[in-house]
Amino acid sequence: MNHSKYINVPLERLDIVSSTNDYLSDLCKQGKANEFYTVLAEEQTSGKGQRGNVWESEPGKNLTFSIVLYPTTLEANKQFNLSMLVAISIVDALTDYTEGFSIKWPNDIYWKDRKICGILIENELEGKYLSQSIVGIGLNINQDHFHSSAPNPISLYQIVGKEIDREEIFGKIIHAILSGYKALESNQHDLSEALHHLYRKYLYRKNGLQLYRDKDGDFLAEIHNVGTDGCLYLKDEKDMIRKYAFKEIAYVIPEQRKS
């Protein structure tokens, strides 16, 4: 099936850009980007990741793109719905190719213990509602070697052993995000519950005791819940519930245990 037909959004393709999120943000400030305007770049020189990291992506091998949304009916305290929707959309698209994908809280996409996709959502508020959201996605598709200091990258090519049609998977992701977003706009309450259910189903390390690291050091805990506000609740070995906001807790994956 040709999924190019699903790319029914205003799309700007760039050979090279510093950051698709920054480029799209500038267009928005100039009033040049209607909702769903999407910027897709073959190469980013300063791709932005979470926690201020740089996203490594070999030119012409992967997908690096940003979409602008204007979710003016979504309250700021429910913005995690948008994060869940995007992450679930990507997992669903990837699962067409093979199994084993999960969402590492809050919204990295993993295959087993390795990172295949990063998502960076930059929100602006107006009163108690969101006024603008720029959704940046970096997805490793056909890259066969990684050279940065990132501890655990992987690509779809490395998983399935063959090159993937980037246009096809791009179309699947765009279609899934737009469909979910329009449904969220029309029925926030019911879809919010459905998103939380799917998100918990797809969670990385959703079962059993695992190693985590906070400001006090490493400890073992299991995921107890993820709140509607996006906070992570862990239950440690003493059955104590610990609540963490973004950047307050880190997963210790096998490659990082000596770091």
Protein backbone atom coordinates (compact mmCIF):
# COMPACT_ATOMS: atom_id res chain seq x y z
CA MET A 1 0.00 0.00 0.00
CA ASN A 2 1.27 3.46 -0.83
CA HIS A 3 1.06 5.46 2.37
CA SER A 4 2.05 8.69 0.63
CA LYS A 5 -1.68 9.24 0.18
CA TYR A 6 -1.95 9.56 3.97
CA ILE A 7 0.41 12.53 4.01
CA ASN A 8 -2.46 14.96 3.57
CA VAL A 9 -0.80 17.75 5.53
CA PRO A 10 0.99 20.89 4.36
CA LEU A 11 4.52 19.52 4.06
CA GLU A 12 7.81 21.32 3.60
CA ARG A 13 10.80 19.17 2.71
CA LEU A 14 14.28 20.49 3.50
CA ASP A 15 17.69 19.12 2.57
CA ILE A 16 19.35 20.53 5.68
CA VAL A 17 18.28 22.53 8.73
CA SER A 18 19.66 23.14 12.19
CA SER A 19 16.51 21.85 13.92
CA THR A 20 13.06 21.14 12.49
CA ASN A 21 11.48 22.24 15.77
CA ASP A 22 13.29 25.60 15.69
CA TYR A 23 12.57 26.11 11.99
CA LEU A 24 8.88 25.40 12.46
CA SER A 25 8.73 27.61 15.56
CA ASP A 26 10.06 30.51 13.50
CA LEU A 27 7.40 29.90 10.83
CA CYS A 28 4.72 29.94 13.52
CA LYS A 29 5.98 33.26 14.90
CA GLN A 30 5.67 34.69 11.38
CA GLY A 31 2.13 33.35 11.03
CA LYS A 32 3.17 31.06 8.18
CA ALA A 33 2.22 27.68 9.62
CA ASN A 34 -1.38 26.52 9.84
CA GLU A 35 -2.28 23.53 11.99
CA PHE A 36 -0.61 20.27 10.89
CA TYR A 37 2.11 22.13 8.96
CA THR A 38 4.98 19.65 8.86
CA VAL A 39 8.69 20.13 8.24
CA LEU A 40 10.71 17.09 7.15
CA ALA A 41 14.50 17.37 6.89
CA GLU A 42 17.02 15.02 5.31
CA GLU A 43 19.67 16.35 7.69
CA GLN A 44 19.66 18.22 10.99
CA THR A 45 22.86 19.87 12.15
CA SER A 46 21.60 20.52 15.69
CA GLY A 47 18.72 18.11 16.18
CA LYS A 48 17.23 18.53 19.64
CA GLY A 49 16.63 15.70 22.07
CA GLN A 50 15.22 15.52 25.57
CA ARG A 51 17.34 16.77 28.49
CA GLY A 52 19.24 19.07 26.13
CA ASN A 53 20.81 16.19 24.22
CA VAL A 54 21.64 16.26 20.51
CA TRP A 55 19.84 13.73 18.30
CA GLU A 56 22.22 11.83 15.99
CA SER A 57 20.81 11.05 12.56
CA GLU A 58 22.73 10.12 9.41
CA PRO A 59 21.56 12.28 6.47
CA GLY A 60 19.12 10.57 4.14
CA LYS A 61 18.75 7.47 6.29
CA ASN A 62 16.14 8.30 8.91
CA LEU A 63 13.11 10.47 9.66
CA THR A 64 13.48 13.83 11.35
CA PHE A 65 10.37 15.97 11.26
CA SER A 66 8.17 18.34 13.23
CA ILE A 67 4.41 18.99 13.21
CA VAL A 68 2.61 22.01 14.65
CA LEU A 69 -0.72 21.60 16.42
CA TYR A 70 -2.98 24.22 17.96
CA PRO A 71 -4.80 22.24 20.69
CA THR A 72 -6.66 25.24 22.12
CA THR A 73 -9.34 23.09 23.79
CA LEU A 74 -6.79 20.95 25.67
CA GLU A 75 -6.16 22.10 29.22
CA ALA A 76 -2.52 22.53 30.21
CA ASN A 77 -2.86 19.97 33.01
CA LYS A 78 -3.89 17.39 30.41
CA GLN A 79 -1.05 18.00 27.98
CA PHE A 80 0.33 14.52 28.68
CA ASN A 81 -2.55 13.22 26.54
CA LEU A 82 -0.77 14.65 23.52
CA SER A 83 2.51 13.03 24.50
CA MET A 84 0.81 9.65 24.91
CA LEU A 85 -1.02 9.98 21.60
CA VAL A 86 2.18 10.66 19.64
CA ALA A 87 4.13 7.84 21.32
CA ILE A 88 1.33 5.32 20.83
CA SER A 89 0.99 6.33 17.16
CA ILE A 90 4.67 5.63 16.55
CA VAL A 91 4.63 2.28 18.35
CA ASP A 92 1.58 1.25 16.32
CA ALA A 93 3.33 2.18 13.07
CA LEU A 94 6.53 0.35 14.01
CA THR A 95 4.64 -2.77 15.06
CA ASP A 96 3.64 -3.23 11.40
CA TYR A 97 7.29 -4.22 10.82
CA THR A 98 8.12 -6.35 13.88
CA GLU A 99 7.32 -6.84 17.57
CA GLY A 100 9.12 -5.74 20.71
CA PHE A 101 8.53 -1.96 20.79
CA SER A 102 7.61 -0.09 23.94
CA ILE A 103 7.35 3.42 25.36
CA LYS A 104 10.00 4.41 27.89
CA TRP A 105 8.43 6.99 30.14
CA PRO A 106 7.72 9.70 29.30
CA ASN A 107 7.92 9.25 25.51
CA ASP A 108 11.05 7.59 24.15
CA ILE A 109 10.38 4.62 21.89
CA TYR A 110 12.43 1.51 22.61
CA TRP A 111 12.99 -1.86 21.02
CA LYS A 112 13.93 -4.14 23.88
CA ASP A 113 16.59 -2.12 25.77
CA ARG A 114 17.55 0.12 22.86
CA LYS A 115 16.27 3.50 21.73
CA ILE A 116 14.86 3.81 18.22
CA CYS A 117 12.92 7.08 18.49
CA GLY A 118 12.99 10.33 20.41
CA ILE A 119 10.08 12.73 20.75
CA LEU A 120 10.35 16.36 21.81
CA ILE A 121 7.09 18.28 22.31
CA GLU A 122 7.39 22.01 22.95
CA ASN A 123 4.16 23.52 24.26
CA GLU A 124 3.00 27.10 24.63
CA LEU A 125 0.19 28.07 26.98
CA GLU A 126 -2.52 30.71 26.96
CA GLY A 127 -4.31 30.83 30.28
CA LYS A 128 -5.13 27.30 31.37
CA TYR A 129 -5.12 25.93 27.81
CA LEU A 130 -2.45 24.96 25.32
CA SER A 131 -2.13 27.41 22.47
CA GLN A 132 0.55 25.70 20.38
CA SER A 133 2.43 22.40 20.36
CA ILE A 134 5.38 21.61 18.15
CA VAL A 135 5.93 17.88 17.99
CA GLY A 136 9.45 16.91 16.97
CA ILE A 137 10.20 13.29 16.07
CA GLY A 138 13.51 11.60 15.31
CA LEU A 139 13.12 7.99 14.19
CA ASN A 140 16.04 5.73 13.24
CA ILE A 141 15.08 3.91 10.04
CA ASN A 142 17.95 2.81 7.78
CA GLN A 143 21.09 3.88 9.66
CA ASP A 144 23.42 0.90 10.18
CA HIS A 145 26.07 2.48 12.44
CA PHE A 146 25.90 5.07 15.22
CA HIS A 147 28.88 7.17 16.22
CA SER A 148 27.71 9.47 19.03
CA SER A 149 28.15 8.84 22.76
CA ALA A 150 24.48 7.83 23.08
CA PRO A 151 24.59 4.48 24.92
CA ASN A 152 21.92 2.44 23.19
CA PRO A 153 20.68 3.57 19.75
CA ILE A 154 19.20 1.16 17.24
CA SER A 155 17.49 1.47 13.86
CA LEU A 156 14.67 -0.41 12.20
CA TYR A 157 17.17 -1.64 9.62
CA GLN A 158 19.31 -3.18 12.35
CA ILE A 159 16.25 -4.90 13.82
CA VAL A 160 14.65 -6.37 10.70
CA GLY A 161 17.77 -6.72 8.55
CA LYS A 162 16.57 -4.83 5.50
CA GLU A 163 16.00 -1.28 4.32
CA ILE A 164 12.59 0.23 5.00
CA ASP A 165 10.62 2.62 2.78
CA ARG A 166 10.86 5.85 4.78
CA GLU A 167 7.97 7.44 2.91
CA GLU A 168 5.73 4.54 3.85
CA ILE A 169 6.40 4.67 7.58
CA PHE A 170 6.27 8.47 7.57
CA GLY A 171 2.80 8.27 6.04
CA LYS A 172 1.68 5.73 8.64
CA ILE A 173 2.85 7.92 11.52
CA ILE A 174 1.30 11.11 10.13
CA HIS A 175 -1.99 9.32 9.53
CA ALA A 176 -2.05 7.84 13.04
CA ILE A 177 -1.19 11.13 14.78
CA LEU A 178 -3.78 13.14 12.83
CA SER A 179 -6.52 10.56 13.31
CA GLY A 180 -5.84 10.34 17.03
CA TYR A 181 -5.56 14.10 17.45
CA LYS A 182 -8.89 14.76 15.74
CA ALA A 183 -10.52 12.11 17.90
CA LEU A 184 -9.00 13.68 21.02
CA GLU A 185 -10.39 17.07 20.06
CA SER A 186 -13.89 15.71 19.63
CA ASN A 187 -14.04 13.38 22.63
CA GLN A 188 -11.36 14.20 25.18
CA HIS A 189 -12.76 12.29 28.16
CA ASP A 190 -13.25 8.89 26.55
CA LEU A 191 -10.11 9.06 24.45
CA SER A 192 -8.03 10.16 27.45
CA GLU A 193 -8.98 6.94 29.24
CA ALA A 194 -8.22 4.87 26.14
CA LEU A 195 -4.83 6.57 25.73
CA HIS A 196 -3.88 5.84 29.34
CA HIS A 197 -4.89 2.20 28.90
CA LEU A 198 -2.78 1.78 25.76
CA TYR A 199 0.11 3.77 27.19
CA ARG A 200 0.32 1.51 30.25
CA LYS A 201 0.06 -1.54 27.98
CA TYR A 202 3.02 -0.34 25.90
CA LEU A 203 5.19 0.81 28.81
CA TYR A 204 8.83 -0.23 28.84
CA ARG A 205 9.68 -2.26 31.97
CA LYS A 206 6.02 -2.37 32.96
CA ASN A 207 6.49 -5.55 35.02
CA GLY A 208 8.84 -6.51 37.83
CA LEU A 209 11.59 -4.82 39.79
CA GLN A 210 14.01 -2.76 37.69
CA LEU A 211 16.96 -0.51 38.38
CA TYR A 212 16.38 3.27 38.56
CA ARG A 213 18.46 6.27 39.56
CA ASP A 214 17.35 9.45 41.32
CA LYS A 215 19.23 12.21 43.15
CA ASP A 216 19.95 9.82 46.02
CA GLY A 217 21.37 7.03 43.87
CA ASP A 218 20.32 3.70 42.37
CA PHE A 219 17.42 1.62 43.65
CA LEU A 220 15.12 -1.20 42.61
CA ALA A 221 11.44 -0.54 41.99
CA GLU A 222 8.51 -1.51 39.80
CA ILE A 223 6.17 0.79 37.89
CA HIS A 224 3.05 1.37 39.94
CA ASN A 225 1.29 3.86 37.67
CA VAL A 226 1.61 6.86 35.38
CA GLY A 227 -0.64 9.73 36.43
CA THR A 228 -2.84 11.81 34.17
CA ASP A 229 -0.31 14.61 34.74
CA GLY A 230 2.45 12.41 33.34
CA CYS A 231 4.18 11.76 36.65
CA LEU A 232 5.72 8.33 37.17
CA TYR A 233 4.82 6.36 40.30
CA LEU A 234 7.24 3.64 41.37
CA LYS A 235 6.89 1.09 44.17
CA ASP A 236 10.25 0.22 45.70
CA GLU A 237 11.38 -2.92 47.52
CA LYS A 238 9.92 -1.61 50.78
CA ASP A 239 6.52 -1.12 49.10
CA MET A 240 6.92 2.65 49.34
CA ILE A 241 5.35 4.64 46.47
CA ARG A 242 7.70 7.21 44.97
CA LYS A 243 6.42 9.94 42.65
CA TYR A 244 8.65 11.49 39.99
CA ALA A 245 8.21 14.27 37.48
CA PHE A 246 10.14 14.41 34.22
CA LYS A 247 13.92 14.69 34.70
CA GLU A 248 13.74 13.61 38.36
CA ILE A 249 14.35 9.93 37.62
CA ALA A 250 16.40 7.91 35.16
CA TYR A 251 16.15 4.32 34.03
CA VAL A 252 19.40 2.41 34.40
CA ILE A 253 19.63 0.27 31.30
CA PRO A 254 22.24 -2.52 30.98
CA GLU A 255 24.75 -0.40 29.01
CA GLN A 256 24.58 2.35 31.65
CA ARG A 257 25.03 0.34 34.83
CA LYS A 258 28.73 1.17 35.11
CA SER A 259 28.29 4.87 34.30
